[in-house]
Amino acid sequence: MNNNQQNTSQNETSLEKVTRKVNDITKSINGITHKIGYVLLFGLMLVTVADVLMRFLFNSPLKGTMELTEIVVAMVVFFSLGMAQIMGNHLEIDFLVNKFPIKVQRVVQIIIYLIGSILLILLTWKLLELGISSLNSGEVKGDLGLPVYIVIFIVTLGSAGFTLTYLAALLTTVTKVVVKK
């Protein structure tokens, strides 16, 4: 560890340490789900190519391709939301907020991340409830007969990862306001 890193770690408050750790965990979890999303998308590409070839060559499409596409796209989207947030790839309309003083900008960010966190917690909670309800009812999806609760629980994991990114952003912004350097 060089002197600069030692000074940084010695001057770091406990809130900053917690914030850094939460951000590291959040990036790790969302990195994993994002990579799973890549694999799912690649698998979907293979299924789609096979379906087109089967339809073209043998006039016999693969059974359940449409519903598999619906399921995988939902999973890929939810598994990628968290990483998109971490990388800053979401659309922001900030032309007005950028004109405010930095302290006001941070207060606005805190409000946005707080509201977003609350909404995402509610979404994740409702998805979990829906998954439990689907599990109890034994609901299955179309031609494949795939239990719906599996898909809902997987989407819930992606939603939870996305929720973590908002909570981490909220904590980071609060830390910037509280710790004045």
N, C-alpha and C. Protein backbone atom coordinates (compact mmCIF):
# COMPACT_ATOMS: atom_id res chain seq x y z
N MET A 1 0.85 -1.17 0.00
CA MET A 1 0.00 0.00 0.00
C MET A 1 0.90 1.24 0.00
N ASN A 2 0.65 2.17 -0.92
CA ASN A 2 1.50 3.36 -0.95
C ASN A 2 0.99 4.39 0.07
N ASN A 3 1.76 5.47 0.24
CA ASN A 3 1.43 6.49 1.25
C ASN A 3 0.08 7.15 1.00
N ASN A 4 -0.22 7.38 -0.27
CA ASN A 4 -1.49 8.02 -0.60
C ASN A 4 -2.68 7.15 -0.17
N GLN A 5 -2.59 5.84 -0.43
CA GLN A 5 -3.65 4.92 -0.03
C GLN A 5 -3.76 4.83 1.49
N GLN A 6 -2.60 4.84 2.18
CA GLN A 6 -2.62 4.78 3.64
C GLN A 6 -3.30 6.02 4.22
N ASN A 7 -2.96 7.21 3.69
CA ASN A 7 -3.59 8.44 4.17
C ASN A 7 -5.09 8.43 3.91
N THR A 8 -5.49 7.91 2.74
CA THR A 8 -6.91 7.85 2.41
C THR A 8 -7.64 6.93 3.38
N SER A 9 -7.08 5.74 3.65
CA SER A 9 -7.76 4.80 4.54
C SER A 9 -7.75 5.29 5.99
N GLN A 10 -6.70 6.05 6.39
CA GLN A 10 -6.66 6.57 7.75
C GLN A 10 -7.64 7.72 7.94
N ASN A 11 -7.85 8.51 6.90
CA ASN A 11 -8.74 9.66 6.98
C ASN A 11 -10.21 9.28 6.71
N GLU A 12 -10.46 8.06 6.33
CA GLU A 12 -11.80 7.61 5.97
C GLU A 12 -12.66 7.42 7.23
N THR A 13 -13.84 8.02 7.23
CA THR A 13 -14.75 7.87 8.37
C THR A 13 -15.42 6.50 8.30
N SER A 14 -16.07 6.12 9.39
CA SER A 14 -16.77 4.84 9.40
C SER A 14 -17.92 4.84 8.40
N LEU A 15 -18.58 5.98 8.21
CA LEU A 15 -19.65 6.08 7.21
C LEU A 15 -19.10 5.86 5.81
N GLU A 16 -17.94 6.41 5.54
CA GLU A 16 -17.32 6.23 4.23
C GLU A 16 -16.92 4.76 4.01
N LYS A 17 -16.44 4.12 5.06
CA LYS A 17 -16.07 2.70 4.96
C LYS A 17 -17.29 1.84 4.66
N VAL A 18 -18.38 2.11 5.38
CA VAL A 18 -19.63 1.37 5.15
C VAL A 18 -20.12 1.61 3.72
N THR A 19 -20.08 2.86 3.30
CA THR A 19 -20.52 3.21 1.95
C THR A 19 -19.70 2.49 0.89
N ARG A 20 -18.39 2.48 1.07
CA ARG A 20 -17.51 1.79 0.13
C ARG A 20 -17.81 0.30 0.09
N LYS A 21 -18.02 -0.30 1.26
CA LYS A 21 -18.31 -1.73 1.33
C LYS A 21 -19.65 -2.05 0.66
N VAL A 22 -20.68 -1.24 0.93
CA VAL A 22 -21.99 -1.44 0.31
C VAL A 22 -21.88 -1.32 -1.21
N ASN A 23 -21.13 -0.33 -1.68
CA ASN A 23 -20.94 -0.16 -3.12
C ASN A 23 -20.21 -1.35 -3.73
N ASP A 24 -19.20 -1.87 -3.04
CA ASP A 24 -18.46 -3.04 -3.53
C ASP A 24 -19.37 -4.26 -3.63
N ILE A 25 -20.18 -4.50 -2.61
CA ILE A 25 -21.10 -5.63 -2.61
C ILE A 25 -22.14 -5.47 -3.72
N THR A 26 -22.66 -4.27 -3.85
CA THR A 26 -23.66 -3.99 -4.88
C THR A 26 -23.09 -4.23 -6.27
N LYS A 27 -21.87 -3.75 -6.52
CA LYS A 27 -21.24 -3.95 -7.83
C LYS A 27 -21.00 -5.43 -8.08
N SER A 28 -20.61 -6.14 -7.07
CA SER A 28 -20.34 -7.57 -7.21
C SER A 28 -21.62 -8.35 -7.55
N ILE A 29 -22.68 -8.11 -6.80
CA ILE A 29 -23.95 -8.80 -7.04
C ILE A 29 -24.48 -8.49 -8.43
N ASN A 30 -24.49 -7.21 -8.78
CA ASN A 30 -25.02 -6.82 -10.09
C ASN A 30 -24.10 -7.24 -11.23
N GLY A 31 -22.82 -7.36 -10.97
CA GLY A 31 -21.91 -7.89 -11.98
C GLY A 31 -22.24 -9.34 -12.30
N ILE A 32 -22.55 -10.10 -11.26
CA ILE A 32 -22.91 -11.51 -11.46
C ILE A 32 -24.22 -11.62 -12.22
N THR A 33 -25.24 -10.87 -11.80
CA THR A 33 -26.54 -10.97 -12.49
C THR A 33 -26.42 -10.49 -13.94
N HIS A 34 -25.59 -9.48 -14.16
CA HIS A 34 -25.41 -8.97 -15.52
C HIS A 34 -24.76 -10.04 -16.41
N LYS A 35 -23.78 -10.76 -15.87
CA LYS A 35 -23.13 -11.83 -16.63
C LYS A 35 -24.11 -12.98 -16.90
N ILE A 36 -24.96 -13.28 -15.94
CA ILE A 36 -26.00 -14.29 -16.17
C ILE A 36 -26.92 -13.82 -17.29
N GLY A 37 -27.22 -12.52 -17.31
CA GLY A 37 -28.03 -11.95 -18.38
C GLY A 37 -27.38 -12.16 -19.74
N TYR A 38 -26.05 -12.01 -19.82
CA TYR A 38 -25.33 -12.26 -21.07
C TYR A 38 -25.54 -13.70 -21.52
N VAL A 39 -25.37 -14.63 -20.59
CA VAL A 39 -25.51 -16.05 -20.91
C VAL A 39 -26.94 -16.36 -21.38
N LEU A 40 -27.92 -15.81 -20.68
CA LEU A 40 -29.32 -16.01 -21.07
C LEU A 40 -29.59 -15.46 -22.47
N LEU A 41 -29.05 -14.28 -22.74
CA LEU A 41 -29.25 -13.66 -24.05
C LEU A 41 -28.59 -14.50 -25.15
N PHE A 42 -27.40 -15.02 -24.87
CA PHE A 42 -26.72 -15.89 -25.83
C PHE A 42 -27.55 -17.16 -26.08
N GLY A 43 -28.07 -17.75 -24.99
CA GLY A 43 -28.92 -18.93 -25.13
C GLY A 43 -30.17 -18.63 -25.94
N LEU A 44 -30.75 -17.47 -25.70
CA LEU A 44 -31.94 -17.06 -26.46
C LEU A 44 -31.62 -16.92 -27.93
N MET A 45 -30.43 -16.40 -28.23
CA MET A 45 -30.02 -16.28 -29.63
C MET A 45 -29.93 -17.67 -30.28
N LEU A 46 -29.35 -18.62 -29.56
CA LEU A 46 -29.24 -19.98 -30.10
C LEU A 46 -30.61 -20.61 -30.33
N VAL A 47 -31.52 -20.43 -29.38
CA VAL A 47 -32.87 -20.98 -29.52
C VAL A 47 -33.59 -20.33 -30.71
N THR A 48 -33.43 -19.03 -30.87
CA THR A 48 -34.08 -18.32 -31.97
C THR A 48 -33.53 -18.79 -33.31
N VAL A 49 -32.22 -18.94 -33.41
CA VAL A 49 -31.61 -19.44 -34.66
C VAL A 49 -32.11 -20.86 -34.94
N ALA A 50 -32.13 -21.71 -33.92
CA ALA A 50 -32.62 -23.08 -34.10
C ALA A 50 -34.08 -23.08 -34.54
N ASP A 51 -34.89 -22.21 -33.94
CA ASP A 51 -36.31 -22.12 -34.30
C ASP A 51 -36.48 -21.70 -35.76
N VAL A 52 -35.71 -20.71 -36.20
CA VAL A 52 -35.80 -20.24 -37.59
C VAL A 52 -35.35 -21.34 -38.54
N LEU A 53 -34.25 -22.01 -38.22
CA LEU A 53 -33.77 -23.10 -39.07
C LEU A 53 -34.77 -24.25 -39.15
N MET A 54 -35.32 -24.62 -38.00
CA MET A 54 -36.32 -25.71 -37.98
C MET A 54 -37.55 -25.33 -38.78
N ARG A 55 -37.97 -24.09 -38.65
CA ARG A 55 -39.14 -23.62 -39.37
C ARG A 55 -38.86 -23.60 -40.87
N PHE A 56 -37.67 -23.12 -41.26
CA PHE A 56 -37.32 -22.97 -42.68
C PHE A 56 -37.03 -24.33 -43.33
N LEU A 57 -36.23 -25.15 -42.66
CA LEU A 57 -35.78 -26.40 -43.26
C LEU A 57 -36.81 -27.53 -43.16
N PHE A 58 -37.51 -27.61 -42.05
CA PHE A 58 -38.39 -28.75 -41.81
C PHE A 58 -39.86 -28.36 -41.61
N ASN A 59 -40.14 -27.06 -41.74
CA ASN A 59 -41.49 -26.54 -41.51
C ASN A 59 -42.05 -27.00 -40.17
N SER A 60 -41.15 -27.05 -39.18
CA SER A 60 -41.53 -27.51 -37.84
C SER A 60 -40.80 -26.66 -36.79
N PRO A 61 -41.41 -25.55 -36.37
CA PRO A 61 -40.74 -24.67 -35.40
C PRO A 61 -40.59 -25.36 -34.04
N LEU A 62 -39.67 -24.84 -33.26
CA LEU A 62 -39.47 -25.37 -31.90
C LEU A 62 -40.67 -25.00 -31.04
N LYS A 63 -41.09 -25.95 -30.26
CA LYS A 63 -42.24 -25.73 -29.38
C LYS A 63 -41.85 -24.80 -28.22
N GLY A 64 -42.68 -23.78 -27.97
CA GLY A 64 -42.48 -22.90 -26.82
C GLY A 64 -41.47 -21.78 -27.02
N THR A 65 -41.04 -21.55 -28.25
CA THR A 65 -40.03 -20.51 -28.48
C THR A 65 -40.54 -19.13 -28.09
N MET A 66 -41.77 -18.81 -28.40
CA MET A 66 -42.31 -17.49 -28.09
C MET A 66 -42.34 -17.25 -26.57
N GLU A 67 -42.86 -18.23 -25.83
CA GLU A 67 -42.93 -18.01 -24.38
C GLU A 67 -41.54 -18.04 -23.74
N LEU A 68 -40.64 -18.83 -24.29
CA LEU A 68 -39.26 -18.82 -23.79
C LEU A 68 -38.62 -17.45 -24.05
N THR A 69 -38.90 -16.87 -25.19
CA THR A 69 -38.39 -15.53 -25.50
C THR A 69 -38.93 -14.52 -24.51
N GLU A 70 -40.22 -14.56 -24.22
CA GLU A 70 -40.82 -13.64 -23.25
C GLU A 70 -40.15 -13.76 -21.88
N ILE A 71 -39.96 -14.99 -21.46
CA ILE A 71 -39.38 -15.25 -20.14
C ILE A 71 -37.94 -14.76 -20.07
N VAL A 72 -37.15 -15.12 -21.06
CA VAL A 72 -35.73 -14.77 -21.04
C VAL A 72 -35.53 -13.26 -21.17
N VAL A 73 -36.33 -12.60 -21.99
CA VAL A 73 -36.20 -11.15 -22.12
C VAL A 73 -36.49 -10.47 -20.78
N ALA A 74 -37.52 -10.93 -20.07
CA ALA A 74 -37.82 -10.36 -18.75
C ALA A 74 -36.64 -10.56 -17.80
N MET A 75 -36.05 -11.74 -17.82
CA MET A 75 -34.90 -12.01 -16.95
C MET A 75 -33.71 -11.13 -17.32
N VAL A 76 -33.42 -11.03 -18.60
CA VAL A 76 -32.28 -10.23 -19.06
C VAL A 76 -32.45 -8.77 -18.67
N VAL A 77 -33.64 -8.23 -18.85
CA VAL A 77 -33.89 -6.84 -18.50
C VAL A 77 -33.66 -6.61 -17.01
N PHE A 78 -34.27 -7.45 -16.18
CA PHE A 78 -34.13 -7.24 -14.73
C PHE A 78 -32.71 -7.52 -14.24
N PHE A 79 -32.01 -8.44 -14.89
CA PHE A 79 -30.63 -8.72 -14.50
C PHE A 79 -29.67 -7.62 -14.95
N SER A 80 -30.08 -6.80 -15.90
CA SER A 80 -29.20 -5.76 -16.43
C SER A 80 -29.48 -4.38 -15.86
N LEU A 81 -30.61 -4.17 -15.24
CA LEU A 81 -30.97 -2.85 -14.72
C LEU A 81 -29.97 -2.33 -13.69
N GLY A 82 -29.56 -3.19 -12.79
CA GLY A 82 -28.62 -2.77 -11.75
C GLY A 82 -27.29 -2.32 -12.32
N MET A 83 -26.75 -3.07 -13.26
CA MET A 83 -25.47 -2.69 -13.86
C MET A 83 -25.61 -1.42 -14.69
N ALA A 84 -26.74 -1.25 -15.34
CA ALA A 84 -26.97 -0.01 -16.10
C ALA A 84 -26.97 1.19 -15.14
N GLN A 85 -27.56 1.02 -13.96
CA GLN A 85 -27.56 2.09 -12.96
C GLN A 85 -26.15 2.37 -12.46
N ILE A 86 -25.40 1.32 -12.19
CA ILE A 86 -24.03 1.48 -11.70
C ILE A 86 -23.17 2.19 -12.74
N MET A 87 -23.34 1.84 -14.00
CA MET A 87 -22.54 2.43 -15.07
C MET A 87 -23.07 3.81 -15.51
N GLY A 88 -24.22 4.21 -14.97
CA GLY A 88 -24.78 5.52 -15.33
C GLY A 88 -25.39 5.55 -16.71
N ASN A 89 -25.91 4.42 -17.15
CA ASN A 89 -26.49 4.32 -18.49
C ASN A 89 -27.97 4.63 -18.56
N HIS A 90 -28.57 5.02 -17.44
CA HIS A 90 -29.97 5.41 -17.47
C HIS A 90 -30.08 6.85 -17.92
N LEU A 91 -31.18 7.14 -18.54
CA LEU A 91 -31.45 8.50 -19.03
C LEU A 91 -31.72 9.43 -17.86
N GLU A 92 -31.08 10.58 -17.87
CA GLU A 92 -31.31 11.58 -16.84
C GLU A 92 -31.62 12.91 -17.51
N ILE A 93 -32.60 13.59 -16.97
CA ILE A 93 -32.91 14.93 -17.45
C ILE A 93 -32.49 15.88 -16.33
N ASP A 94 -31.29 16.40 -16.48
CA ASP A 94 -30.71 17.17 -15.38
C ASP A 94 -30.28 18.58 -15.79
N PHE A 95 -30.79 19.07 -16.90
CA PHE A 95 -30.37 20.39 -17.37
C PHE A 95 -30.72 21.50 -16.38
N LEU A 96 -31.80 21.32 -15.63
CA LEU A 96 -32.20 22.33 -14.65
C LEU A 96 -31.42 22.14 -13.34
N VAL A 97 -31.33 20.91 -12.88
CA VAL A 97 -30.66 20.61 -11.62
C VAL A 97 -29.18 20.99 -11.68
N ASN A 98 -28.55 20.85 -12.83
CA ASN A 98 -27.12 21.18 -12.98
C ASN A 98 -26.84 22.67 -12.75
N LYS A 99 -27.85 23.50 -12.84
CA LYS A 99 -27.68 24.93 -12.64
C LYS A 99 -27.75 25.31 -11.14
N PHE A 100 -28.19 24.38 -10.30
CA PHE A 100 -28.28 24.62 -8.86
C PHE A 100 -26.90 24.52 -8.22
N PRO A 101 -26.74 25.12 -7.03
CA PRO A 101 -25.50 24.91 -6.27
C PRO A 101 -25.34 23.42 -5.93
N ILE A 102 -24.11 23.00 -5.73
CA ILE A 102 -23.80 21.57 -5.50
C ILE A 102 -24.58 21.00 -4.32
N LYS A 103 -24.76 21.78 -3.25
CA LYS A 103 -25.51 21.27 -2.09
C LYS A 103 -26.97 21.00 -2.46
N VAL A 104 -27.56 21.87 -3.23
CA VAL A 104 -28.95 21.69 -3.66
C VAL A 104 -29.04 20.48 -4.60
N GLN A 105 -28.05 20.33 -5.47
CA GLN A 105 -28.02 19.17 -6.37
C GLN A 105 -28.00 17.87 -5.57
N ARG A 106 -27.21 17.85 -4.52
CA ARG A 106 -27.11 16.63 -3.70
C ARG A 106 -28.41 16.36 -2.95
N VAL A 107 -29.07 17.41 -2.47
CA VAL A 107 -30.36 17.23 -1.79
C VAL A 107 -31.38 16.67 -2.78
N VAL A 108 -31.39 17.18 -4.01
CA VAL A 108 -32.29 16.66 -5.04
C VAL A 108 -31.96 15.20 -5.32
N GLN A 109 -30.66 14.87 -5.42
CA GLN A 109 -30.26 13.48 -5.64
C GLN A 109 -30.73 12.58 -4.50
N ILE A 110 -30.60 13.06 -3.27
CA ILE A 110 -31.05 12.27 -2.12
C ILE A 110 -32.54 12.00 -2.22
N ILE A 111 -33.31 13.01 -2.56
CA ILE A 111 -34.77 12.84 -2.69
C ILE A 111 -35.08 11.83 -3.79
N ILE A 112 -34.41 11.95 -4.92
CA ILE A 112 -34.65 11.03 -6.05
C ILE A 112 -34.28 9.60 -5.66
N TYR A 113 -33.10 9.42 -5.06
CA TYR A 113 -32.68 8.07 -4.67
C TYR A 113 -33.56 7.49 -3.56
N LEU A 114 -34.05 8.34 -2.68
CA LEU A 114 -34.94 7.88 -1.61
C LEU A 114 -36.27 7.40 -2.19
N ILE A 115 -36.86 8.21 -3.05
CA ILE A 115 -38.13 7.82 -3.69
C ILE A 115 -37.93 6.58 -4.55
N GLY A 116 -36.86 6.57 -5.33
CA GLY A 116 -36.56 5.40 -6.17
C GLY A 116 -36.36 4.15 -5.34
N SER A 117 -35.64 4.27 -4.23
CA SER A 117 -35.39 3.12 -3.35
C SER A 117 -36.70 2.58 -2.79
N ILE A 118 -37.55 3.49 -2.33
CA ILE A 118 -38.84 3.07 -1.77
C ILE A 118 -39.68 2.34 -2.82
N LEU A 119 -39.74 2.91 -4.02
CA LEU A 119 -40.52 2.29 -5.09
C LEU A 119 -39.95 0.93 -5.49
N LEU A 120 -38.62 0.83 -5.55
CA LEU A 120 -38.00 -0.45 -5.92
C LEU A 120 -38.15 -1.49 -4.82
N ILE A 121 -38.11 -1.07 -3.57
CA ILE A 121 -38.36 -2.00 -2.46
C ILE A 121 -39.79 -2.54 -2.57
N LEU A 122 -40.74 -1.66 -2.85
CA LEU A 122 -42.13 -2.09 -3.01
C LEU A 122 -42.28 -3.03 -4.20
N LEU A 123 -41.62 -2.72 -5.31
CA LEU A 123 -41.68 -3.59 -6.49
C LEU A 123 -41.13 -4.97 -6.18
N THR A 124 -39.97 -5.01 -5.54
CA THR A 124 -39.34 -6.29 -5.20
C THR A 124 -40.20 -7.09 -4.24
N TRP A 125 -40.77 -6.42 -3.26
CA TRP A 125 -41.65 -7.06 -2.29
C TRP A 125 -42.88 -7.65 -2.98
N LYS A 126 -43.50 -6.87 -3.88
CA LYS A 126 -44.69 -7.35 -4.59
C LYS A 126 -44.35 -8.50 -5.54
N LEU A 127 -43.17 -8.45 -6.16
CA LEU A 127 -42.75 -9.56 -7.00
C LEU A 127 -42.58 -10.83 -6.16
N LEU A 128 -42.00 -10.67 -4.98
CA LEU A 128 -41.83 -11.81 -4.08
C LEU A 128 -43.18 -12.39 -3.68
N GLU A 129 -44.12 -11.52 -3.33
CA GLU A 129 -45.48 -11.98 -2.99
C GLU A 129 -46.13 -12.70 -4.17
N LEU A 130 -45.95 -12.15 -5.38
CA LEU A 130 -46.51 -12.77 -6.57
C LEU A 130 -45.89 -14.15 -6.81
N GLY A 131 -44.59 -14.26 -6.60
CA GLY A 131 -43.91 -15.54 -6.75
C GLY A 131 -44.42 -16.57 -5.76
N ILE A 132 -44.61 -16.16 -4.52
CA ILE A 132 -45.14 -17.07 -3.49
C ILE A 132 -46.56 -17.50 -3.85
N SER A 133 -47.36 -16.56 -4.31
CA SER A 133 -48.73 -16.87 -4.72
C SER A 133 -48.74 -17.86 -5.88
N SER A 134 -47.86 -17.63 -6.83
CA SER A 134 -47.75 -18.52 -7.99
C SER A 134 -47.28 -19.91 -7.58
N LEU A 135 -46.36 -19.96 -6.64
CA LEU A 135 -45.87 -21.24 -6.12
C LEU A 135 -47.01 -22.01 -5.45
N ASN A 136 -47.79 -21.31 -4.64
CA ASN A 136 -48.89 -21.96 -3.93
C ASN A 136 -50.01 -22.42 -4.87
N SER A 137 -50.20 -21.69 -5.97
CA SER A 137 -51.29 -22.05 -6.90
C SER A 137 -50.86 -23.10 -7.92
N GLY A 138 -49.55 -23.29 -8.09
CA GLY A 138 -49.06 -24.27 -9.05
C GLY A 138 -49.19 -23.82 -10.50
N GLU A 139 -49.26 -22.52 -10.71
CA GLU A 139 -49.43 -21.94 -12.04
C GLU A 139 -48.26 -22.31 -12.95
N VAL A 140 -48.60 -22.71 -14.20
CA VAL A 140 -47.58 -23.04 -15.19
C VAL A 140 -47.77 -22.19 -16.44
N LYS A 141 -46.71 -22.10 -17.26
CA LYS A 141 -46.72 -21.25 -18.44
C LYS A 141 -46.87 -22.10 -19.70
N GLY A 142 -47.93 -21.87 -20.44
CA GLY A 142 -48.19 -22.37 -21.80
C GLY A 142 -47.66 -23.72 -22.20
N ASP A 143 -47.08 -23.77 -23.40
CA ASP A 143 -46.63 -25.01 -24.03
C ASP A 143 -45.53 -25.72 -23.25
N LEU A 144 -44.68 -24.97 -22.61
CA LEU A 144 -43.54 -25.58 -21.90
C LEU A 144 -43.93 -26.16 -20.55
N GLY A 145 -45.02 -25.70 -19.99
CA GLY A 145 -45.43 -26.16 -18.67
C GLY A 145 -44.46 -25.75 -17.57
N LEU A 146 -43.72 -24.66 -17.82
CA LEU A 146 -42.74 -24.16 -16.86
C LEU A 146 -43.46 -23.49 -15.69
N PRO A 147 -43.14 -23.87 -14.46
CA PRO A 147 -43.76 -23.20 -13.31
C PRO A 147 -43.45 -21.70 -13.32
N VAL A 148 -44.49 -20.88 -13.24
CA VAL A 148 -44.34 -19.43 -13.33
C VAL A 148 -43.54 -18.87 -12.15
N TYR A 149 -43.67 -19.49 -10.98
CA TYR A 149 -42.98 -18.96 -9.81
C TYR A 149 -41.47 -18.92 -9.99
N ILE A 150 -40.91 -19.86 -10.75
CA ILE A 150 -39.46 -19.87 -10.99
C ILE A 150 -39.04 -18.58 -11.69
N VAL A 151 -39.78 -18.23 -12.73
CA VAL A 151 -39.48 -17.00 -13.48
C VAL A 151 -39.64 -15.78 -12.58
N ILE A 152 -40.71 -15.74 -11.81
CA ILE A 152 -40.98 -14.59 -10.95
C ILE A 152 -39.88 -14.45 -9.90
N PHE A 153 -39.45 -15.55 -9.30
CA PHE A 153 -38.38 -15.48 -8.30
C PHE A 153 -37.06 -15.02 -8.92
N ILE A 154 -36.78 -15.46 -10.15
CA ILE A 154 -35.55 -15.03 -10.82
C ILE A 154 -35.61 -13.53 -11.12
N VAL A 155 -36.76 -13.07 -11.61
CA VAL A 155 -36.94 -11.63 -11.88
C VAL A 155 -36.84 -10.85 -10.56
N THR A 156 -37.33 -11.42 -9.48
CA THR A 156 -37.24 -10.76 -8.16
C THR A 156 -35.79 -10.57 -7.75
N LEU A 157 -34.94 -11.53 -8.05
CA LEU A 157 -33.50 -11.38 -7.76
C LEU A 157 -32.91 -10.19 -8.52
N GLY A 158 -33.27 -10.07 -9.79
CA GLY A 158 -32.81 -8.93 -10.57
C GLY A 158 -33.32 -7.61 -10.02
N SER A 159 -34.58 -7.61 -9.59
CA SER A 159 -35.16 -6.41 -9.00
C SER A 159 -34.46 -6.06 -7.68
N ALA A 160 -34.12 -7.06 -6.90
CA ALA A 160 -33.41 -6.82 -5.64
C ALA A 160 -32.03 -6.22 -5.91
N GLY A 161 -31.35 -6.71 -6.94
CA GLY A 161 -30.05 -6.14 -7.30
C GLY A 161 -30.17 -4.69 -7.72
N PHE A 162 -31.20 -4.38 -8.49
CA PHE A 162 -31.45 -3.01 -8.92
C PHE A 162 -31.76 -2.12 -7.71
N THR A 163 -32.55 -2.66 -6.79
CA THR A 163 -32.88 -1.93 -5.57
C THR A 163 -31.61 -1.60 -4.78
N LEU A 164 -30.71 -2.55 -4.70
CA LEU A 164 -29.43 -2.32 -4.00
C LEU A 164 -28.65 -1.16 -4.61
N THR A 165 -28.72 -1.02 -5.93
CA THR A 165 -27.97 0.08 -6.56
C THR A 165 -28.54 1.43 -6.14
N TYR A 166 -29.84 1.52 -5.99
CA TYR A 166 -30.44 2.78 -5.55
C TYR A 166 -30.12 3.06 -4.09
N LEU A 167 -30.18 2.02 -3.26
CA LEU A 167 -29.83 2.19 -1.85
C LEU A 167 -28.37 2.59 -1.70
N ALA A 168 -27.49 1.99 -2.50
CA ALA A 168 -26.06 2.33 -2.46
C ALA A 168 -25.85 3.77 -2.93
N ALA A 169 -26.56 4.17 -3.98
CA ALA A 169 -26.44 5.55 -4.48
C ALA A 169 -26.95 6.54 -3.44
N LEU A 170 -28.03 6.18 -2.75
CA LEU A 170 -28.57 7.02 -1.69
C LEU A 170 -27.54 7.17 -0.58
N LEU A 171 -26.95 6.06 -0.15
CA LEU A 171 -25.94 6.09 0.90
C LEU A 171 -24.71 6.90 0.47
N THR A 172 -24.29 6.74 -0.76
CA THR A 172 -23.14 7.48 -1.27
C THR A 172 -23.41 8.98 -1.26
N THR A 173 -24.60 9.38 -1.71
CA THR A 173 -24.94 10.79 -1.76
C THR A 173 -25.06 11.38 -0.36
N VAL A 174 -25.69 10.62 0.55
CA VAL A 174 -25.79 11.08 1.94
C VAL A 174 -24.39 11.23 2.54
N THR A 175 -23.51 10.29 2.25
CA THR A 175 -22.14 10.37 2.76
C THR A 175 -21.44 11.62 2.26
N LYS A 176 -21.65 11.96 0.98
CA LYS A 176 -21.04 13.17 0.43
C LYS A 176 -21.54 14.43 1.14
N VAL A 177 -22.80 14.40 1.55
CA VAL A 177 -23.37 15.57 2.24
C VAL A 177 -22.86 15.63 3.67
N VAL A 178 -22.82 14.48 4.34
CA VAL A 178 -22.45 14.44 5.76
C VAL A 178 -20.95 14.65 5.96
N VAL A 179 -20.13 13.97 5.15
CA VAL A 179 -18.68 14.05 5.29
C VAL A 179 -18.18 15.17 4.39
N LYS A 180 -17.74 16.22 4.99
CA LYS A 180 -17.28 17.39 4.24
C LYS A 180 -15.77 17.37 4.16
N LYS A 181 -15.26 17.18 2.95
CA LYS A 181 -13.80 17.17 2.74
C LYS A 181 -13.43 18.20 1.72
